[in-house]
C-alpha atoms as a PDB file:
ATOM      1  CA  MET A   1     -16.519 -16.449 -16.980  1.00  0.00           C
ATOM      2  CA  ALA A   2     -15.647 -17.393 -20.547  1.00  0.00           C
ATOM      3  CA  ALA A   3     -17.061 -14.106 -21.781  1.00  0.00           C
ATOM      4  CA  ILE A   4     -14.601 -12.181 -19.652  1.00  0.00           C
ATOM      5  CA  LEU A   5     -11.657 -14.203 -20.838  1.00  0.00           C
ATOM      6  CA  ARG A   6     -12.607 -14.204 -24.524  1.00  0.00           C
ATOM      7  CA  ALA A   7     -13.571 -10.534 -24.799  1.00  0.00           C
ATOM      8  CA  ASP A   8     -17.085 -11.348 -25.936  1.00  0.00           C
ATOM      9  CA  ARG A   9     -19.569  -8.570 -26.598  1.00  0.00           C
ATOM     10  CA  ASP A  10     -20.389  -7.767 -22.950  1.00  0.00           C
ATOM     11  CA  TRP A  11     -17.001  -8.380 -21.340  1.00  0.00           C
ATOM     12  CA  GLN A  12     -16.533  -4.803 -20.158  1.00  0.00           C
ATOM     13  CA  ALA A  13     -19.883  -4.750 -18.385  1.00  0.00           C
ATOM     14  CA  ARG A  14     -19.067  -8.056 -16.726  1.00  0.00           C
ATOM     15  CA  VAL A  15     -15.717  -6.805 -15.479  1.00  0.00           C
ATOM     16  CA  GLU A  16     -17.355  -3.680 -14.079  1.00  0.00           C
ATOM     17  CA  ARG A  17     -20.079  -5.744 -12.414  1.00  0.00           C
ATOM     18  CA  ALA A  18     -17.527  -8.119 -10.903  1.00  0.00           C
ATOM     19  CA  ILE A  19     -15.486  -5.280  -9.376  1.00  0.00           C
ATOM     20  CA  ALA A  20     -18.603  -3.729  -7.856  1.00  0.00           C
ATOM     21  CA  ALA A  21     -19.972  -7.007  -6.478  1.00  0.00           C
ATOM     22  CA  VAL A  22     -16.867  -8.638  -4.975  1.00  0.00           C
ATOM     23  CA  GLU A  23     -17.021  -9.070  -1.200  1.00  0.00           C
ATOM     24  CA  ARG A  24     -14.792  -6.636   0.692  1.00  0.00           C
ATOM     25  CA  PRO A  25     -12.172  -6.940   1.970  1.00  0.00           C
ATOM     26  CA  ILE A  26     -11.148  -8.995  -1.028  1.00  0.00           C
ATOM     27  CA  ALA A  27      -9.600 -12.305  -0.014  1.00  0.00           C
ATOM     28  CA  VAL A  28      -5.928 -12.580  -0.961  1.00  0.00           C
ATOM     29  CA  ASP A  29      -4.197 -15.922  -1.420  1.00  0.00           C
ATOM     30  CA  PRO A  30      -1.886 -16.222   1.631  1.00  0.00           C
ATOM     31  CA  ARG A  31       0.869 -17.553  -0.614  1.00  0.00           C
ATOM     32  CA  PHE A  32       1.396 -14.003  -1.855  1.00  0.00           C
ATOM     33  CA  VAL A  33       2.531 -12.817   1.579  1.00  0.00           C
ATOM     34  CA  PRO A  34       6.357 -13.109   1.597  1.00  0.00           C
ATOM     35  CA  ARG A  35       7.888 -14.941   4.559  1.00  0.00           C
ATOM     36  CA  ARG A  36      11.326 -16.248   5.430  1.00  0.00           C
ATOM     37  CA  ALA A  37      12.228 -19.305   3.377  1.00  0.00           C
ATOM     38  CA  VAL A  38      13.857 -20.734   6.514  1.00  0.00           C
ATOM     39  CA  PRO A  39      11.933 -19.649   9.637  1.00  0.00           C
ATOM     40  CA  ASP A  40      14.126 -18.281  12.399  1.00  0.00           C
ATOM     41  CA  PRO A  41      12.419 -18.240  15.830  1.00  0.00           C
ATOM     42  CA  ALA A  42      15.078 -15.854  17.109  1.00  0.00           C
ATOM     43  CA  LEU A  43      13.943 -13.249  14.537  1.00  0.00           C
ATOM     44  CA  ALA A  44      10.187 -13.825  14.778  1.00  0.00           C
ATOM     45  CA  GLU A  45       9.599 -10.781  17.009  1.00  0.00           C
ATOM     46  CA  GLU A  46      11.749  -8.575  14.785  1.00  0.00           C
ATOM     47  CA  ASP A  47       9.863  -9.746  11.681  1.00  0.00           C
ATOM     48  CA  ALA A  48       6.533  -9.034  13.346  1.00  0.00           C
ATOM     49  CA  ARG A  49       7.623  -5.484  14.164  1.00  0.00           C
ATOM     50  CA  ARG A  50       8.783  -4.942  10.600  1.00  0.00           C
ATOM     51  CA  PHE A  51       5.241  -5.559   9.334  1.00  0.00           C
ATOM     52  CA  ASP A  52       3.329  -3.944  12.200  1.00  0.00           C
ATOM     53  CA  ARG A  53       1.516  -1.073  10.522  1.00  0.00           C
ATOM     54  CA  ALA A  54       0.842   0.605  13.867  1.00  0.00           C
ATOM     55  CA  ARG A  55       4.576   1.310  14.178  1.00  0.00           C
ATOM     56  CA  PHE A  56       4.681   3.284  10.919  1.00  0.00           C
ATOM     57  CA  PRO A  57       3.703   6.908  10.249  1.00  0.00           C
ATOM     58  CA  ASP A  58       0.726   7.533   7.999  1.00  0.00           C
ATOM     59  CA  PRO A  59       1.426   5.885   4.634  1.00  0.00           C
ATOM     60  CA  ARG A  60       1.951   7.822   1.441  1.00  0.00           C
ATOM     61  CA  ALA A  61      -0.903   7.595  -1.038  1.00  0.00           C
ATOM     62  CA  ALA A  62      -0.287   5.943  -4.399  1.00  0.00           C
ATOM     63  CA  ALA A  63      -2.292   4.383  -7.202  1.00  0.00           C
ATOM     64  CA  THR A  64      -1.714   1.830  -9.913  1.00  0.00           C
ATOM     65  CA  LEU A  65      -3.574   0.956 -13.106  1.00  0.00           C
ATOM     66  CA  LEU A  66      -4.925  -2.470 -13.968  1.00  0.00           C
ATOM     67  CA  LEU A  67      -5.867  -1.969 -17.617  1.00  0.00           C
ATOM     68  CA  ILE A  68      -7.748  -4.760 -19.385  1.00  0.00           C
ATOM     69  CA  TYR A  69      -8.067  -4.876 -23.166  1.00  0.00           C
ATOM     70  CA  PRO A  70      -8.349  -7.464 -25.965  1.00  0.00           C
ATOM     71  CA  ALA A  71      -5.221  -8.650 -27.785  1.00  0.00           C
ATOM     72  CA  ASP A  72      -4.830 -11.720 -29.993  1.00  0.00           C
ATOM     73  CA  GLU A  73      -8.383 -12.862 -29.204  1.00  0.00           C
ATOM     74  CA  GLU A  74      -8.048 -12.775 -25.422  1.00  0.00           C
ATOM     75  CA  LEU A  75      -7.969 -10.196 -22.645  1.00  0.00           C
ATOM     76  CA  VAL A  76      -4.631  -9.018 -21.295  1.00  0.00           C
ATOM     77  CA  ILE A  77      -3.146  -6.655 -18.699  1.00  0.00           C
ATOM     78  CA  PRO A  78       0.023  -4.638 -19.461  1.00  0.00           C
ATOM     79  CA  LEU A  79       2.830  -4.974 -16.944  1.00  0.00           C
ATOM     80  CA  THR A  80       6.087  -3.051 -16.892  1.00  0.00           C
ATOM     81  CA  VAL A  81       9.623  -4.376 -16.451  1.00  0.00           C
ATOM     82  CA  ARG A  82      11.427  -1.745 -14.405  1.00  0.00           C
ATOM     83  CA  HIS A  83      14.875  -0.501 -15.358  1.00  0.00           C
ATOM     84  CA  ALA A  84      17.639  -2.420 -13.575  1.00  0.00           C
ATOM     85  CA  GLU A  85      19.322   0.800 -12.473  1.00  0.00           C
ATOM     86  CA  LEU A  86      16.346   2.308 -10.641  1.00  0.00           C
ATOM     87  CA  GLY A  87      16.766   2.899  -6.935  1.00  0.00           C
ATOM     88  CA  ALA A  88      13.429   1.316  -6.006  1.00  0.00           C
ATOM     89  CA  HIS A  89      12.455  -2.206  -7.095  1.00  0.00           C
ATOM     90  CA  PRO A  90      15.054  -2.422  -9.893  1.00  0.00           C
ATOM     91  CA  GLY A  91      14.354  -5.009 -12.576  1.00  0.00           C
ATOM     92  CA  GLU A  92      11.041  -6.055 -11.046  1.00  0.00           C
ATOM     93  CA  VAL A  93       7.759  -6.480 -12.892  1.00  0.00           C
ATOM     94  CA  SER A  94       5.114  -3.966 -11.858  1.00  0.00           C
ATOM     95  CA  LEU A  95       1.865  -2.356 -12.845  1.00  0.00           C
ATOM     96  CA  PRO A  96       2.033   1.250 -14.041  1.00  0.00           C
ATOM     97  CA  GLY A  97       1.635   3.478 -11.006  1.00  0.00           C
ATOM     98  CA  GLY A  98       3.198   5.691  -8.398  1.00  0.00           C
ATOM     99  CA  ALA A  99       2.744   8.308  -5.706  1.00  0.00           C
ATOM    100  CA  VAL A 100      -0.080  10.830  -5.697  1.00  0.00           C
ATOM    101  CA  ASP A 101       0.897  14.254  -6.998  1.00  0.00           C
ATOM    102  CA  PRO A 102      -0.759  17.298  -5.375  1.00  0.00           C
ATOM    103  CA  ARG A 103      -2.132  18.199  -8.799  1.00  0.00           C
ATOM    104  CA  ASP A 104      -4.008  14.890  -9.104  1.00  0.00           C
ATOM    105  CA  ALA A 105      -7.709  15.417  -8.492  1.00  0.00           C
ATOM    106  CA  THR A 106      -8.353  11.740  -7.684  1.00  0.00           C
ATOM    107  CA  LEU A 107      -6.543   8.434  -7.295  1.00  0.00           C
ATOM    108  CA  GLU A 108      -7.859   7.548 -10.739  1.00  0.00           C
ATOM    109  CA  ALA A 109      -6.088  10.617 -12.078  1.00  0.00           C
ATOM    110  CA  THR A 110      -2.882   9.446 -10.395  1.00  0.00           C
ATOM    111  CA  ALA A 111      -3.100   6.002 -11.977  1.00  0.00           C
ATOM    112  CA  LEU A 112      -3.758   7.431 -15.440  1.00  0.00           C
ATOM    113  CA  ARG A 113      -1.001  10.044 -15.155  1.00  0.00           C
ATOM    114  CA  GLU A 114       1.548   7.466 -14.059  1.00  0.00           C
ATOM    115  CA  ALA A 115       0.523   5.140 -16.895  1.00  0.00           C
ATOM    116  CA  ASN A 116       1.046   7.972 -19.347  1.00  0.00           C
ATOM    117  CA  GLU A 117       4.474   8.754 -17.889  1.00  0.00           C
ATOM    118  CA  GLU A 118       5.630   5.117 -17.820  1.00  0.00           C
ATOM    119  CA  ILE A 119       4.108   3.558 -20.944  1.00  0.00           C
ATOM    120  CA  GLY A 120       2.791   6.521 -22.934  1.00  0.00           C
ATOM    121  CA  LEU A 121      -0.842   5.506 -22.419  1.00  0.00           C
ATOM    122  CA  ALA A 122      -3.362   8.216 -23.298  1.00  0.00           C
ATOM    123  CA  ALA A 123      -5.920   8.747 -20.540  1.00  0.00           C
ATOM    124  CA  ASP A 124      -8.773   9.042 -23.033  1.00  0.00           C
ATOM    125  CA  ALA A 125      -8.094   5.465 -24.196  1.00  0.00           C
ATOM    126  CA  VAL A 126      -9.200   4.143 -20.796  1.00  0.00           C
ATOM    127  CA  ARG A 127     -12.601   3.828 -19.135  1.00  0.00           C
ATOM    128  CA  VAL A 128     -12.262   3.405 -15.375  1.00  0.00           C
ATOM    129  CA  VAL A 129     -14.639   0.773 -13.976  1.00  0.00           C
ATOM    130  CA  GLY A 130     -13.709   0.609 -10.293  1.00  0.00           C
ATOM    131  CA  ARG A 131     -11.106   0.076  -7.603  1.00  0.00           C
ATOM    132  CA  LEU A 132      -9.761  -2.882  -5.679  1.00  0.00           C
ATOM    133  CA  ASP A 133      -8.750  -2.814  -2.011  1.00  0.00           C
ATOM    134  CA  PRO A 134      -5.684  -0.778  -1.032  1.00  0.00           C
ATOM    135  CA  VAL A 135      -2.386  -2.643  -0.696  1.00  0.00           C
ATOM    136  CA  TRP A 136       0.013  -1.500   2.008  1.00  0.00           C
ATOM    137  CA  ILE A 137       3.694  -1.840   1.075  1.00  0.00           C
ATOM    138  CA  PRO A 138       5.802  -1.854   4.273  1.00  0.00           C
ATOM    139  CA  VAL A 139       9.190  -1.446   2.590  1.00  0.00           C
ATOM    140  CA  SER A 140       8.184   1.961   1.193  1.00  0.00           C
ATOM    141  CA  ASN A 141       5.161   2.710   3.434  1.00  0.00           C
ATOM    142  CA  PHE A 142       2.904   3.344   0.458  1.00  0.00           C
ATOM    143  CA  GLU A 143      -0.814   2.616   0.478  1.00  0.00           C
ATOM    144  CA  LEU A 144      -1.429   1.643  -3.120  1.00  0.00           C
ATOM    145  CA  VAL A 145      -4.950   1.818  -4.544  1.00  0.00           C
ATOM    146  CA  PRO A 146      -5.459  -0.378  -7.633  1.00  0.00           C
ATOM    147  CA  VAL A 147      -7.636   1.317 -10.249  1.00  0.00           C
ATOM    148  CA  VAL A 148      -9.261  -0.975 -12.816  1.00  0.00           C
ATOM    149  CA  GLY A 149      -9.794   0.287 -16.345  1.00  0.00           C
ATOM    150  CA  VAL A 150     -10.877  -1.180 -19.681  1.00  0.00           C
ATOM    151  CA  ALA A 151     -10.186  -0.322 -23.313  1.00  0.00           C
ATOM    152  CA  ASP A 152     -11.985  -1.420 -26.473  1.00  0.00           C
ATOM    153  CA  ALA A 153      -8.747  -2.412 -28.209  1.00  0.00           C
ATOM    154  CA  ARG A 154      -5.011  -2.533 -27.573  1.00  0.00           C
ATOM    155  CA  PRO A 155      -4.049   1.128 -27.013  1.00  0.00           C
ATOM    156  CA  ALA A 156      -0.878   2.778 -28.248  1.00  0.00           C
ATOM    157  CA  MET A 157       1.865   2.269 -25.661  1.00  0.00           C
ATOM    158  CA  THR A 158       5.594   2.935 -25.615  1.00  0.00           C
ATOM    159  CA  ALA A 159       7.947   2.057 -22.769  1.00  0.00           C
ATOM    160  CA  GLN A 160       9.479   5.218 -21.339  1.00  0.00           C
ATOM    161  CA  GLN A 161      13.070   4.039 -21.105  1.00  0.00           C
ATOM    162  CA  ALA A 162      14.038   6.086 -18.050  1.00  0.00           C
ATOM    163  CA  GLU A 163      11.867   3.768 -15.945  1.00  0.00           C
ATOM    164  CA  VAL A 164      10.537   0.954 -18.112  1.00  0.00           C
ATOM    165  CA  VAL A 165      12.556  -1.341 -20.357  1.00  0.00           C
ATOM    166  CA  GLU A 166       9.713  -3.571 -21.548  1.00  0.00           C
ATOM    167  CA  ILE A 167       5.925  -3.851 -21.600  1.00  0.00           C
ATOM    168  CA  VAL A 168       4.629  -7.391 -21.018  1.00  0.00           C
ATOM    169  CA  GLU A 169       1.027  -8.379 -21.738  1.00  0.00           C
ATOM    170  CA  LEU A 170      -0.193 -10.848 -19.108  1.00  0.00           C
ATOM    171  CA  PRO A 171      -3.239 -12.885 -20.224  1.00  0.00           C
ATOM    172  CA  LEU A 172      -6.152 -12.411 -17.850  1.00  0.00           C
ATOM    173  CA  ARG A 173      -6.712 -16.163 -17.876  1.00  0.00           C
ATOM    174  CA  ARG A 174      -3.417 -16.614 -16.023  1.00  0.00           C
ATOM    175  CA  LEU A 175      -5.067 -15.207 -12.891  1.00  0.00           C
ATOM    176  CA  LEU A 176      -7.753 -17.878 -12.997  1.00  0.00           C
ATOM    177  CA  GLU A 177      -5.794 -20.978 -13.972  1.00  0.00           C
ATOM    178  CA  PRO A 178      -5.415 -23.610 -11.210  1.00  0.00           C
ATOM    179  CA  ASP A 179      -1.668 -23.781 -11.843  1.00  0.00           C
ATOM    180  CA  GLY A 180      -1.249 -20.034 -12.353  1.00  0.00           C
ATOM    181  CA  VAL A 181       0.561 -19.525  -9.035  1.00  0.00           C
ATOM    182  CA  SER A 182       3.849 -21.102  -8.003  1.00  0.00           C
ATOM    183  CA  GLU A 183       5.836 -20.678  -4.795  1.00  0.00           C
ATOM    184  CA  GLU A 184       9.459 -19.652  -5.159  1.00  0.00           C
ATOM    185  CA  GLU A 185      12.388 -18.450  -3.114  1.00  0.00           C
ATOM    186  CA  ILE A 186      13.514 -14.881  -3.763  1.00  0.00           C
ATOM    187  CA  ARG A 187      16.712 -13.363  -2.417  1.00  0.00           C
ATOM    188  CA  VAL A 188      16.440  -9.783  -1.204  1.00  0.00           C
ATOM    189  CA  PRO A 189      19.027  -7.859   0.851  1.00  0.00           C
ATOM    190  CA  GLY A 190      19.585  -9.714   4.101  1.00  0.00           C
ATOM    191  CA  VAL A 191      17.090 -12.529   3.683  1.00  0.00           C
ATOM    192  CA  VAL A 192      15.727 -15.240   1.393  1.00  0.00           C
ATOM    193  CA  LEU A 193      11.943 -15.063   1.077  1.00  0.00           C
ATOM    194  CA  ARG A 194       9.394 -17.615  -0.021  1.00  0.00           C
ATOM    195  CA  THR A 195       6.325 -16.264  -1.759  1.00  0.00           C
ATOM    196  CA  GLY A 196       3.702 -16.892  -4.413  1.00  0.00           C
ATOM    197  CA  VAL A 197       4.489 -15.693  -7.912  1.00  0.00           C
ATOM    198  CA  TYR A 198       2.968 -15.529 -11.371  1.00  0.00           C
ATOM    199  CA  ARG A 199       5.276 -16.570 -14.210  1.00  0.00           C
ATOM    200  CA  TRP A 200       4.806 -15.298 -17.747  1.00  0.00           C
ATOM    201  CA  ALA A 201       7.017 -14.716 -20.794  1.00  0.00           C
ATOM    202  CA  GLY A 202      10.125 -15.468 -18.782  1.00  0.00           C
ATOM    203  CA  HIS A 203       9.256 -12.949 -16.081  1.00  0.00           C
ATOM    204  CA  ARG A 204       8.464 -13.394 -12.391  1.00  0.00           C
ATOM    205  CA  VAL A 205       5.686 -11.315 -10.829  1.00  0.00           C
ATOM    206  CA  TRP A 206       5.597 -11.146  -7.043  1.00  0.00           C
ATOM    207  CA  GLY A 207       5.082  -8.784  -4.111  1.00  0.00           C
ATOM    208  CA  ALA A 208       2.458  -6.038  -4.221  1.00  0.00           C
ATOM    209  CA  THR A 209       1.916  -6.527  -7.967  1.00  0.00           C
ATOM    210  CA  ALA A 210       1.098 -10.209  -7.519  1.00  0.00           C
ATOM    211  CA  ARG A 211      -1.234  -9.465  -4.598  1.00  0.00           C
ATOM    212  CA  THR A 212      -3.036  -6.864  -6.688  1.00  0.00           C
ATOM    213  CA  LEU A 213      -3.435  -9.252  -9.608  1.00  0.00           C
ATOM    214  CA  SER A 214      -4.669 -11.933  -7.215  1.00  0.00           C
ATOM    215  CA  MET A 215      -7.405  -9.597  -5.981  1.00  0.00           C
ATOM    216  CA  LEU A 216      -8.508  -8.994  -9.550  1.00  0.00           C
ATOM    217  CA  GLY A 217      -8.624 -12.756 -10.137  1.00  0.00           C
ATOM    218  CA  VAL A 218     -10.796 -13.214  -7.039  1.00  0.00           C
ATOM    219  CA  ALA A 219     -13.187 -10.500  -8.203  1.00  0.00           C
ATOM    220  CA  LEU A 220     -13.519 -11.941 -11.702  1.00  0.00           C
ATOM    221  CA  SER A 221     -13.931 -15.498 -10.460  1.00  0.00           C
ATOM    222  CA  GLY A 222     -17.252 -14.501  -8.914  1.00  0.00           C
ATOM    223  CA  GLU A 223     -18.711 -13.366 -12.245  1.00  0.00           C
ATOM    224  CA  THR A 224     -20.518 -16.261 -13.930  1.00  0.00           C
END
């Protein structure tokens, strides 16, 4: 485990091995599933319908990039702070990613293209080492496939200001610390939710991004 966190000589091979070996479906901490902060029995049936995948049309395919690289003597993952004026998920912290384009040959190509568009990341700076389980996002009906990549050193990145106002490097160790997850109340239109979050550098990470990071933590925790 320490080798993964410290970026020792074989860390990339250990990450790749962990992604390949993790039991599927990958267990997700139930705290990362948002629920009403104050349960309302009168709305229980309505809430269940809202998250019943069988009631939705086929989801739209999307991919996101979990890039791991060494920085300041530890491994980190770049996250993006979305522009506050965007129509979807304004101001939230996300992983680089988005919908599949018909020109994308694979989901890996989607993840790399989106990372280039959002943070200026060159595709040839990344070696893809695997995928995590898809994450279904009911609010947008996307099925998001997390693609895991590694880089030998911190790559050149620049926030593309139309979408991204800041790039935040989350230490990989945060996913494995016993106190890495807190539960908080989050106000969204029409309801106050309670959900698990990661906190780092003054930012709150929740929703599909937090669930994706949690899966990565589960995979890496099995590599000894």
